[in-house]
């Protein structure tokens, strides 16, 4: 990993995708995102080492702890690190930096909003959410009296 990401650019109109190009569903979500969004900055964590500060900022935007960035209940984690592994924030960051496969799902960031993306429909919903968090696909679908 020769590149290093040290500052998270959170312009409101810029979509950032944090993903691992070595994982199939990450590659598919990357391709889908690039086809749907012209202004997208993709960070491939298998090639770019993301700093601990940026991981902490991503966790904050997701409203989770740094530890929450890794799914410790996922079989990929359990197979490599065991079931009862206690992780500090520093441990989590080191794992993400040195073992990027442990980021089970890609993360999208736009402005101050971030979301863990598990499937294609979440990409579309993320694009359709406006700056105050209202899902535009739901506007006009309210019950009429």
C-alpha atoms as a PDB file:
ATOM      1  CA  UNK A   1       0.000   0.000   0.000  1.00  0.00           C
ATOM      2  CA  UNK A   2       1.844   3.027  -1.233  1.00  0.00           C
ATOM      3  CA  UNK A   3      -0.840   5.687  -1.011  1.00  0.00           C
ATOM      4  CA  UNK A   4      -2.087   7.115   2.246  1.00  0.00           C
ATOM      5  CA  UNK A   5      -5.400   8.899   2.782  1.00  0.00           C
ATOM      6  CA  UNK A   6      -5.093  11.441   5.552  1.00  0.00           C
ATOM      7  CA  UNK A   7      -7.898  13.976   5.096  1.00  0.00           C
ATOM      8  CA  UNK A   8     -11.557  13.198   4.467  1.00  0.00           C
ATOM      9  CA  UNK A   9     -13.025  15.638   1.937  1.00  0.00           C
ATOM     10  CA  UNK A  10     -16.682  16.098   2.859  1.00  0.00           C
ATOM     11  CA  UNK A  11     -17.965  18.513   0.222  1.00  0.00           C
ATOM     12  CA  UNK A  12     -21.748  18.228   0.097  1.00  0.00           C
ATOM     13  CA  UNK A  13     -21.797  17.390  -3.624  1.00  0.00           C
ATOM     14  CA  UNK A  14     -18.950  14.841  -3.525  1.00  0.00           C
ATOM     15  CA  UNK A  15     -19.722  11.193  -2.925  1.00  0.00           C
ATOM     16  CA  UNK A  16     -16.940   9.172  -1.297  1.00  0.00           C
ATOM     17  CA  UNK A  17     -16.966   5.386  -1.471  1.00  0.00           C
ATOM     18  CA  UNK A  18     -14.676   3.482   0.897  1.00  0.00           C
ATOM     19  CA  UNK A  19     -14.344  -0.047  -0.487  1.00  0.00           C
ATOM     20  CA  UNK A  20     -12.013  -2.992  -1.092  1.00  0.00           C
ATOM     21  CA  UNK A  21     -11.543  -3.937  -4.760  1.00  0.00           C
ATOM     22  CA  UNK A  22     -10.542  -7.462  -3.727  1.00  0.00           C
ATOM     23  CA  UNK A  23     -14.039  -8.281  -2.427  1.00  0.00           C
ATOM     24  CA  UNK A  24     -16.716  -9.182  -5.002  1.00  0.00           C
ATOM     25  CA  UNK A  25     -19.673  -7.288  -3.520  1.00  0.00           C
ATOM     26  CA  UNK A  26     -17.456  -4.217  -2.975  1.00  0.00           C
ATOM     27  CA  UNK A  27     -16.412  -4.263  -6.670  1.00  0.00           C
ATOM     28  CA  UNK A  28     -20.039  -4.587  -7.756  1.00  0.00           C
ATOM     29  CA  UNK A  29     -21.175  -1.709  -5.537  1.00  0.00           C
ATOM     30  CA  UNK A  30     -18.234   0.377  -6.811  1.00  0.00           C
ATOM     31  CA  UNK A  31     -19.243  -0.267 -10.453  1.00  0.00           C
ATOM     32  CA  UNK A  32     -22.888   0.507  -9.716  1.00  0.00           C
ATOM     33  CA  UNK A  33     -21.958   3.701  -7.865  1.00  0.00           C
ATOM     34  CA  UNK A  34     -19.607   4.921 -10.611  1.00  0.00           C
ATOM     35  CA  UNK A  35     -22.312   4.379 -13.241  1.00  0.00           C
ATOM     36  CA  UNK A  36     -24.892   6.289 -11.182  1.00  0.00           C
ATOM     37  CA  UNK A  37     -22.751   9.116  -9.791  1.00  0.00           C
ATOM     38  CA  UNK A  38     -20.387  11.264 -11.862  1.00  0.00           C
ATOM     39  CA  UNK A  39     -18.811  13.073  -8.923  1.00  0.00           C
ATOM     40  CA  UNK A  40     -17.540  10.084  -6.932  1.00  0.00           C
ATOM     41  CA  UNK A  41     -14.209   9.676  -5.188  1.00  0.00           C
ATOM     42  CA  UNK A  42     -13.518   5.996  -4.567  1.00  0.00           C
ATOM     43  CA  UNK A  43     -10.964   4.954  -1.962  1.00  0.00           C
ATOM     44  CA  UNK A  44      -9.797   1.373  -2.439  1.00  0.00           C
ATOM     45  CA  UNK A  45      -8.499   0.355   0.985  1.00  0.00           C
ATOM     46  CA  UNK A  46      -6.619  -2.588  -0.524  1.00  0.00           C
ATOM     47  CA  UNK A  47      -4.386  -0.032  -2.264  1.00  0.00           C
ATOM     48  CA  UNK A  48      -4.687   3.086  -0.083  1.00  0.00           C
ATOM     49  CA  UNK A  49      -3.887   3.050   3.625  1.00  0.00           C
ATOM     50  CA  UNK A  50      -6.518   5.135   5.423  1.00  0.00           C
ATOM     51  CA  UNK A  51      -5.231   6.900   8.539  1.00  0.00           C
ATOM     52  CA  UNK A  52      -6.621   6.289  11.998  1.00  0.00           C
ATOM     53  CA  UNK A  53      -7.932   9.861  12.086  1.00  0.00           C
ATOM     54  CA  UNK A  54      -9.969   9.265   8.934  1.00  0.00           C
ATOM     55  CA  UNK A  55     -11.335   5.952  10.250  1.00  0.00           C
ATOM     56  CA  UNK A  56     -12.377   7.770  13.443  1.00  0.00           C
ATOM     57  CA  UNK A  57     -14.084  10.480  11.363  1.00  0.00           C
ATOM     58  CA  UNK A  58     -15.894   7.845   9.293  1.00  0.00           C
ATOM     59  CA  UNK A  59     -17.110   6.115  12.476  1.00  0.00           C
ATOM     60  CA  UNK A  60     -18.325   9.457  13.827  1.00  0.00           C
ATOM     61  CA  UNK A  61     -20.279  10.151  10.619  1.00  0.00           C
ATOM     62  CA  UNK A  62     -21.835   6.687  10.919  1.00  0.00           C
ATOM     63  CA  UNK A  63     -22.698   7.397  14.593  1.00  0.00           C
ATOM     64  CA  UNK A  64     -20.826   4.287  15.715  1.00  0.00           C
ATOM     65  CA  UNK A  65     -17.636   3.615  17.642  1.00  0.00           C
ATOM     66  CA  UNK A  66     -14.447   2.855  15.720  1.00  0.00           C
ATOM     67  CA  UNK A  67     -14.847  -0.739  16.950  1.00  0.00           C
ATOM     68  CA  UNK A  68     -18.207  -0.816  15.117  1.00  0.00           C
ATOM     69  CA  UNK A  69     -16.462  -0.489  11.752  1.00  0.00           C
ATOM     70  CA  UNK A  70     -15.599  -4.197  11.958  1.00  0.00           C
ATOM     71  CA  UNK A  71     -18.307  -6.853  12.188  1.00  0.00           C
ATOM     72  CA  UNK A  72     -16.701  -9.082  14.824  1.00  0.00           C
ATOM     73  CA  UNK A  73     -19.613 -11.541  14.510  1.00  0.00           C
ATOM     74  CA  UNK A  74     -18.957 -12.100  10.802  1.00  0.00           C
ATOM     75  CA  UNK A  75     -17.447 -15.483   9.920  1.00  0.00           C
ATOM     76  CA  UNK A  76     -14.524 -13.829   8.076  1.00  0.00           C
ATOM     77  CA  UNK A  77     -13.514 -12.054  11.289  1.00  0.00           C
ATOM     78  CA  UNK A  78     -14.118 -15.068  13.541  1.00  0.00           C
ATOM     79  CA  UNK A  79     -12.085 -17.355  11.252  1.00  0.00           C
ATOM     80  CA  UNK A  80      -9.101 -15.025  11.362  1.00  0.00           C
ATOM     81  CA  UNK A  81      -9.236 -13.547  14.891  1.00  0.00           C
ATOM     82  CA  UNK A  82     -11.497 -15.849  16.918  1.00  0.00           C
ATOM     83  CA  UNK A  83     -14.909 -15.403  18.502  1.00  0.00           C
ATOM     84  CA  UNK A  84     -13.937 -13.725  21.750  1.00  0.00           C
ATOM     85  CA  UNK A  85     -11.580 -11.051  20.421  1.00  0.00           C
ATOM     86  CA  UNK A  86     -11.784  -7.785  22.370  1.00  0.00           C
ATOM     87  CA  UNK A  87     -10.743  -4.819  20.234  1.00  0.00           C
ATOM     88  CA  UNK A  88      -9.734  -1.326  21.222  1.00  0.00           C
ATOM     89  CA  UNK A  89     -10.094   1.565  18.776  1.00  0.00           C
ATOM     90  CA  UNK A  90      -6.381   1.253  17.984  1.00  0.00           C
ATOM     91  CA  UNK A  91      -6.723  -2.509  17.376  1.00  0.00           C
ATOM     92  CA  UNK A  92      -9.630  -1.884  15.018  1.00  0.00           C
ATOM     93  CA  UNK A  93      -7.731   0.748  13.035  1.00  0.00           C
ATOM     94  CA  UNK A  94      -4.675  -1.518  12.740  1.00  0.00           C
ATOM     95  CA  UNK A  95      -6.854  -4.372  11.486  1.00  0.00           C
ATOM     96  CA  UNK A  96      -8.530  -2.137   8.885  1.00  0.00           C
ATOM     97  CA  UNK A  97      -5.166  -0.795   7.747  1.00  0.00           C
ATOM     98  CA  UNK A  98      -3.403  -4.161   7.566  1.00  0.00           C
ATOM     99  CA  UNK A  99      -6.279  -6.527   6.800  1.00  0.00           C
ATOM    100  CA  UNK A 100      -8.723  -4.581   4.584  1.00  0.00           C
ATOM    101  CA  UNK A 101     -10.851  -7.702   4.022  1.00  0.00           C
ATOM    102  CA  UNK A 102     -12.291  -7.063   7.484  1.00  0.00           C
ATOM    103  CA  UNK A 103     -14.297  -4.126   6.124  1.00  0.00           C
ATOM    104  CA  UNK A 104     -17.204  -6.409   5.291  1.00  0.00           C
ATOM    105  CA  UNK A 105     -19.329  -3.772   3.504  1.00  0.00           C
ATOM    106  CA  UNK A 106     -18.391  -0.580   1.631  1.00  0.00           C
ATOM    107  CA  UNK A 107     -19.113   2.812   3.204  1.00  0.00           C
ATOM    108  CA  UNK A 108     -20.578   5.810   1.362  1.00  0.00           C
ATOM    109  CA  UNK A 109     -20.108   9.371   2.544  1.00  0.00           C
ATOM    110  CA  UNK A 110     -21.698  12.521   1.180  1.00  0.00           C
ATOM    111  CA  UNK A 111     -21.226  15.701   3.164  1.00  0.00           C
ATOM    112  CA  UNK A 112     -21.958  14.904   6.784  1.00  0.00           C
ATOM    113  CA  UNK A 113     -23.948  11.759   5.963  1.00  0.00           C
ATOM    114  CA  UNK A 114     -22.444   8.275   5.878  1.00  0.00           C
ATOM    115  CA  UNK A 115     -23.913   4.807   5.433  1.00  0.00           C
ATOM    116  CA  UNK A 116     -22.666   1.235   5.381  1.00  0.00           C
ATOM    117  CA  UNK A 117     -23.828  -0.126   2.011  1.00  0.00           C
ATOM    118  CA  UNK A 118     -24.871  -3.770   2.022  1.00  0.00           C
ATOM    119  CA  UNK A 119     -26.615  -3.976  -1.375  1.00  0.00           C
ATOM    120  CA  UNK A 120     -27.414  -2.055  -4.565  1.00  0.00           C
ATOM    121  CA  UNK A 121     -30.763  -0.677  -3.397  1.00  0.00           C
ATOM    122  CA  UNK A 122     -29.002   1.123  -0.559  1.00  0.00           C
ATOM    123  CA  UNK A 123     -26.820   2.920  -3.126  1.00  0.00           C
ATOM    124  CA  UNK A 124     -29.943   4.216  -4.858  1.00  0.00           C
ATOM    125  CA  UNK A 125     -31.573   5.235  -1.582  1.00  0.00           C
ATOM    126  CA  UNK A 126     -28.389   7.009  -0.509  1.00  0.00           C
ATOM    127  CA  UNK A 127     -28.423   9.028  -3.752  1.00  0.00           C
ATOM    128  CA  UNK A 128     -32.108   9.887  -3.298  1.00  0.00           C
ATOM    129  CA  UNK A 129     -31.765  11.178   0.270  1.00  0.00           C
ATOM    130  CA  UNK A 130     -31.590  14.945   0.428  1.00  0.00           C
ATOM    131  CA  UNK A 131     -29.411  16.976   2.768  1.00  0.00           C
ATOM    132  CA  UNK A 132     -31.858  16.829   5.675  1.00  0.00           C
ATOM    133  CA  UNK A 133     -32.269  13.080   5.453  1.00  0.00           C
ATOM    134  CA  UNK A 134     -35.685  12.829   3.805  1.00  0.00           C
ATOM    135  CA  UNK A 135     -35.945   9.941   1.390  1.00  0.00           C
ATOM    136  CA  UNK A 136     -37.214  11.604  -1.791  1.00  0.00           C
ATOM    137  CA  UNK A 137     -38.498   8.286  -3.126  1.00  0.00           C
ATOM    138  CA  UNK A 138     -41.112   8.333  -0.345  1.00  0.00           C
ATOM    139  CA  UNK A 139     -42.390  11.881  -0.989  1.00  0.00           C
ATOM    140  CA  UNK A 140     -45.868  11.767  -2.482  1.00  0.00           C
ATOM    141  CA  UNK A 141     -46.526   8.217  -1.311  1.00  0.00           C
ATOM    142  CA  UNK A 142     -48.312   9.302   1.859  1.00  0.00           C
ATOM    143  CA  UNK A 143     -51.845   8.129   2.477  1.00  0.00           C
ATOM    144  CA  UNK A 144     -54.395  10.599   1.100  1.00  0.00           C
ATOM    145  CA  UNK A 145     -57.520  11.243   3.192  1.00  0.00           C
END
